[in-house]
Amino acid sequence: MSETISFDDFMKVEIRAGTVVEAEPFPEARKPAIKLVIDFGPDIGEKKSSAQITAHYEPEALVGRQVIAVTNFPPRQIGPFMSQVLTLGFADDNGDIVLAQIDKPVPNGERLM
């Protein structure tokens, strides 16, 4: 387990809900990945993410799905693609990523509390 942080430290990380509006394979990535465009609502807008989720997801099945992402990390260059948010998930027993999910719809841009 990591060191204990304060609630104020936790509140510095913006974890928000968004809906995938575009998804396509990312063959140029070093590790298999999918390029996502995620709508975080009118205040944040659409952001791009590279997600290493190919073991469990096909791009076309992701469109319309709500995901959870950290929206206030700095952008990160991944090959020819600029990833603007970190889409969140957990490793399964094989180390493959399973998306963290929301079990009921929430507004795009809603912040995790």
Protein backbone atom coordinates (compact mmCIF):
# COMPACT_ATOMS: atom_id res chain seq x y z
CA MET A 1 0.00 0.00 0.00
CA SER A 2 1.16 3.56 -0.72
CA GLU A 3 1.61 6.31 1.80
CA THR A 4 -1.47 7.90 3.33
CA ILE A 5 -2.61 11.14 1.66
CA SER A 6 -4.93 13.86 2.87
CA PHE A 7 -8.41 14.48 1.51
CA ASP A 8 -7.08 17.74 0.05
CA ASP A 9 -4.47 15.72 -1.89
CA PHE A 10 -7.21 13.44 -3.23
CA MET A 11 -9.28 16.44 -4.30
CA LYS A 12 -6.39 17.65 -6.48
CA VAL A 13 -6.97 14.67 -8.80
CA GLU A 14 -9.92 15.29 -11.10
CA ILE A 15 -11.52 11.94 -11.88
CA ARG A 16 -14.48 12.47 -14.19
CA ALA A 17 -17.05 10.54 -16.21
CA GLY A 18 -17.18 10.83 -19.97
CA THR A 19 -18.73 9.08 -22.95
CA VAL A 20 -16.62 7.54 -25.70
CA VAL A 21 -17.61 9.19 -28.99
CA GLU A 22 -14.84 7.73 -31.18
CA ALA A 23 -12.63 4.66 -30.85
CA GLU A 24 -10.10 3.21 -33.27
CA PRO A 25 -7.14 0.85 -33.22
CA PHE A 26 -3.75 2.38 -32.46
CA PRO A 27 -1.33 0.12 -34.37
CA GLU A 28 1.57 2.59 -34.00
CA ALA A 29 1.60 2.18 -30.21
CA ARG A 30 4.44 0.16 -28.68
CA LYS A 31 1.89 -1.91 -26.71
CA PRO A 32 -1.50 -2.75 -28.25
CA ALA A 33 -3.88 0.15 -27.60
CA ILE A 34 -7.06 1.85 -28.69
CA LYS A 35 -7.34 5.59 -29.40
CA LEU A 36 -10.39 7.10 -27.71
CA VAL A 37 -12.15 10.44 -28.02
CA ILE A 38 -14.17 11.02 -24.85
CA ASP A 39 -16.87 13.66 -24.33
CA PHE A 40 -16.62 15.21 -20.86
CA GLY A 41 -19.50 17.64 -21.35
CA PRO A 42 -19.64 21.34 -22.23
CA ASP A 43 -17.22 22.60 -19.56
CA ILE A 44 -14.34 20.26 -20.48
CA GLY A 45 -15.23 19.15 -24.00
CA GLU A 46 -13.80 16.22 -25.91
CA LYS A 47 -10.41 14.80 -24.92
CA LYS A 48 -8.23 12.07 -26.43
CA SER A 49 -6.83 9.03 -24.64
CA SER A 50 -4.70 6.05 -25.57
CA ALA A 51 -5.87 3.00 -23.61
CA GLN A 52 -4.16 -0.41 -23.49
CA ILE A 53 -7.45 -2.29 -23.36
CA THR A 54 -7.29 -4.43 -26.51
CA ALA A 55 -7.47 -7.77 -24.66
CA HIS A 56 -11.05 -7.16 -23.52
CA TYR A 57 -12.49 -4.50 -25.86
CA GLU A 58 -13.07 -3.86 -29.55
CA PRO A 59 -13.13 -0.21 -30.64
CA GLU A 60 -16.65 -0.32 -32.08
CA ALA A 61 -18.06 -1.71 -28.81
CA LEU A 62 -16.65 1.24 -26.83
CA VAL A 63 -18.54 4.02 -28.63
CA GLY A 64 -21.38 5.21 -26.40
CA ARG A 65 -19.89 3.69 -23.26
CA GLN A 66 -19.20 5.85 -20.21
CA VAL A 67 -15.66 5.64 -18.87
CA ILE A 68 -13.76 7.16 -15.97
CA ALA A 69 -10.62 9.25 -16.51
CA VAL A 70 -8.18 11.56 -14.79
CA THR A 71 -8.66 14.86 -16.60
CA ASN A 72 -6.02 17.08 -14.99
CA PHE A 73 -2.78 15.25 -15.77
CA PRO A 74 -0.59 16.97 -18.36
CA PRO A 75 -0.93 15.63 -21.92
CA ARG A 76 1.42 12.76 -22.79
CA GLN A 77 2.89 12.02 -26.20
CA ILE A 78 2.44 8.34 -27.10
CA GLY A 79 4.09 7.77 -30.45
CA PRO A 80 2.34 10.04 -32.97
CA PHE A 81 -0.66 10.54 -30.63
CA MET A 82 -1.16 13.10 -27.84
CA SER A 83 -3.08 11.51 -24.96
CA GLN A 84 -4.88 14.22 -22.96
CA VAL A 85 -6.53 12.14 -20.21
CA LEU A 86 -5.79 8.87 -18.39
CA THR A 87 -8.62 6.37 -18.82
CA LEU A 88 -8.87 4.25 -15.67
CA GLY A 89 -9.00 0.49 -15.29
CA PHE A 90 -7.70 -2.46 -13.30
CA ALA A 91 -5.40 -5.32 -14.30
CA ASP A 92 -7.01 -8.76 -14.36
CA ASP A 93 -5.19 -11.99 -13.41
CA ASN A 94 -3.30 -11.89 -16.75
CA GLY A 95 -2.29 -8.24 -16.43
CA ASP A 96 -4.81 -7.15 -19.08
CA ILE A 97 -6.72 -3.95 -18.32
CA VAL A 98 -10.44 -4.01 -17.50
CA LEU A 99 -12.10 -0.59 -17.60
CA ALA A 100 -13.37 0.91 -14.35
CA GLN A 101 -17.06 1.40 -14.92
CA ILE A 102 -20.08 3.38 -13.81
CA ASP A 103 -23.13 1.19 -13.15
CA LYS A 104 -25.76 3.92 -13.81
CA PRO A 105 -25.53 6.81 -16.29
CA VAL A 106 -24.21 10.12 -14.93
CA PRO A 107 -23.72 13.48 -16.69
CA ASN A 108 -20.55 13.76 -18.76
CA GLY A 109 -17.95 15.68 -16.80
CA GLU A 110 -19.34 14.62 -13.43
CA ARG A 111 -16.55 14.43 -10.87
CA LEU A 112 -15.85 11.40 -8.68
CA MET A 113 -16.56 12.22 -5.05
